[in-house]
Amino acid sequence: MFREFDINEKNIDIKKEELKKKLEDTKQKIQKLKKQKIKSYENFSKPLQKLLYEIELDFTPISHLNYVCNSKKTEEVYNHLLPIL
């Protein structure tokens, strides 16, 4: 299910910072997942997939706005986030 796009050029910096925070949290959660001695679909793959999907849902509106508006601001935010992802 897609989230409603509530992003615009006025709040894109806030969304960028929210995504950066979420990425840091996700990295920590991935490290915890990796430490499991016995990995399975249920305890590793499925939670990992869910974490990555959440990141995708948050990045998609930023990416979309950049492609549609393609302003200096959207391009700057997009280009800043891309290497982090």
Protein backbone atom coordinates (compact mmCIF):
# COMPACT_ATOMS: atom_id res chain seq x y z
CA MET A 1 0.00 0.00 0.00
CA PHE A 2 1.34 3.39 -0.93
CA ARG A 3 1.43 6.26 1.48
CA GLU A 4 -0.08 9.58 0.58
CA PHE A 5 2.49 11.97 -0.85
CA ASP A 6 2.67 14.80 1.64
CA ILE A 7 5.91 16.19 0.36
CA ASN A 8 6.58 19.46 -1.43
CA GLU A 9 9.46 21.83 -1.92
CA LYS A 10 8.62 23.58 1.35
CA ASN A 11 8.97 20.50 3.54
CA ILE A 12 11.48 18.46 1.55
CA ASP A 13 14.31 19.32 3.98
CA ILE A 14 12.24 17.99 6.88
CA LYS A 15 11.53 14.80 4.94
CA LYS A 16 15.23 14.47 4.13
CA GLU A 17 16.16 14.65 7.81
CA GLU A 18 13.40 12.22 8.76
CA LEU A 19 14.66 9.74 6.18
CA LYS A 20 18.27 10.13 7.34
CA LYS A 21 17.17 9.37 10.91
CA LYS A 22 15.18 6.38 9.73
CA LEU A 23 18.19 5.11 7.78
CA GLU A 24 20.35 5.25 10.89
CA ASP A 25 17.71 3.42 12.91
CA THR A 26 17.38 0.84 10.14
CA LYS A 27 21.13 0.25 10.05
CA GLN A 28 21.09 -0.51 13.76
CA LYS A 29 18.17 -2.90 13.35
CA ILE A 30 19.97 -4.65 10.49
CA GLN A 31 23.04 -5.09 12.68
CA LYS A 32 20.86 -6.76 15.30
CA LEU A 33 19.38 -9.04 12.67
CA LYS A 34 22.84 -10.00 11.44
CA LYS A 35 23.90 -11.06 14.93
CA GLN A 36 21.36 -13.85 15.06
CA LYS A 37 23.12 -17.18 15.12
CA ILE A 38 20.42 -19.08 13.28
CA LYS A 39 18.81 -17.15 10.47
CA SER A 40 15.58 -18.10 8.80
CA TYR A 41 13.05 -16.52 6.55
CA GLU A 42 10.85 -15.63 9.53
CA ASN A 43 13.51 -14.20 11.82
CA PHE A 44 15.87 -12.63 9.26
CA SER A 45 14.68 -12.31 5.67
CA LYS A 46 11.16 -11.17 6.37
CA PRO A 47 12.12 -8.48 8.94
CA LEU A 48 14.93 -7.28 6.66
CA GLN A 49 12.58 -7.03 3.72
CA LYS A 50 10.11 -5.06 5.83
CA LEU A 51 12.80 -2.62 6.95
CA LEU A 52 13.96 -2.02 3.39
CA TYR A 53 10.41 -1.62 2.16
CA GLU A 54 9.80 1.10 4.75
CA ILE A 55 12.85 2.98 3.48
CA GLU A 56 11.58 2.62 -0.07
CA LEU A 57 8.19 4.04 0.94
CA ASP A 58 9.87 7.08 2.46
CA PHE A 59 12.28 7.68 -0.40
CA THR A 60 9.79 7.24 -3.24
CA PRO A 61 8.00 10.58 -2.71
CA ILE A 62 11.34 12.41 -2.66
CA SER A 63 12.42 10.67 -5.83
CA HIS A 64 9.07 11.33 -7.48
CA LEU A 65 9.11 15.01 -6.57
CA ASN A 66 12.59 15.32 -8.03
CA TYR A 67 11.53 13.73 -11.30
CA VAL A 68 8.35 15.79 -11.56
CA CYS A 69 9.58 19.18 -10.35
CA ASN A 70 13.28 18.82 -10.97
CA SER A 71 14.14 22.04 -9.18
CA LYS A 72 17.55 22.81 -7.74
CA LYS A 73 16.20 22.08 -4.27
CA THR A 74 14.70 18.68 -5.10
CA GLU A 75 17.79 17.69 -7.03
CA GLU A 76 20.02 18.71 -4.13
CA VAL A 77 18.04 16.62 -1.63
CA TYR A 78 17.79 13.67 -4.00
CA ASN A 79 21.52 13.72 -4.76
CA HIS A 80 22.34 14.03 -1.08
CA LEU A 81 20.27 10.98 -0.15
CA LEU A 82 21.21 8.72 -3.02
CA PRO A 83 24.70 7.74 -1.79
CA ILE A 84 23.39 7.22 1.74
CA LEU A 85 20.82 4.74 0.50
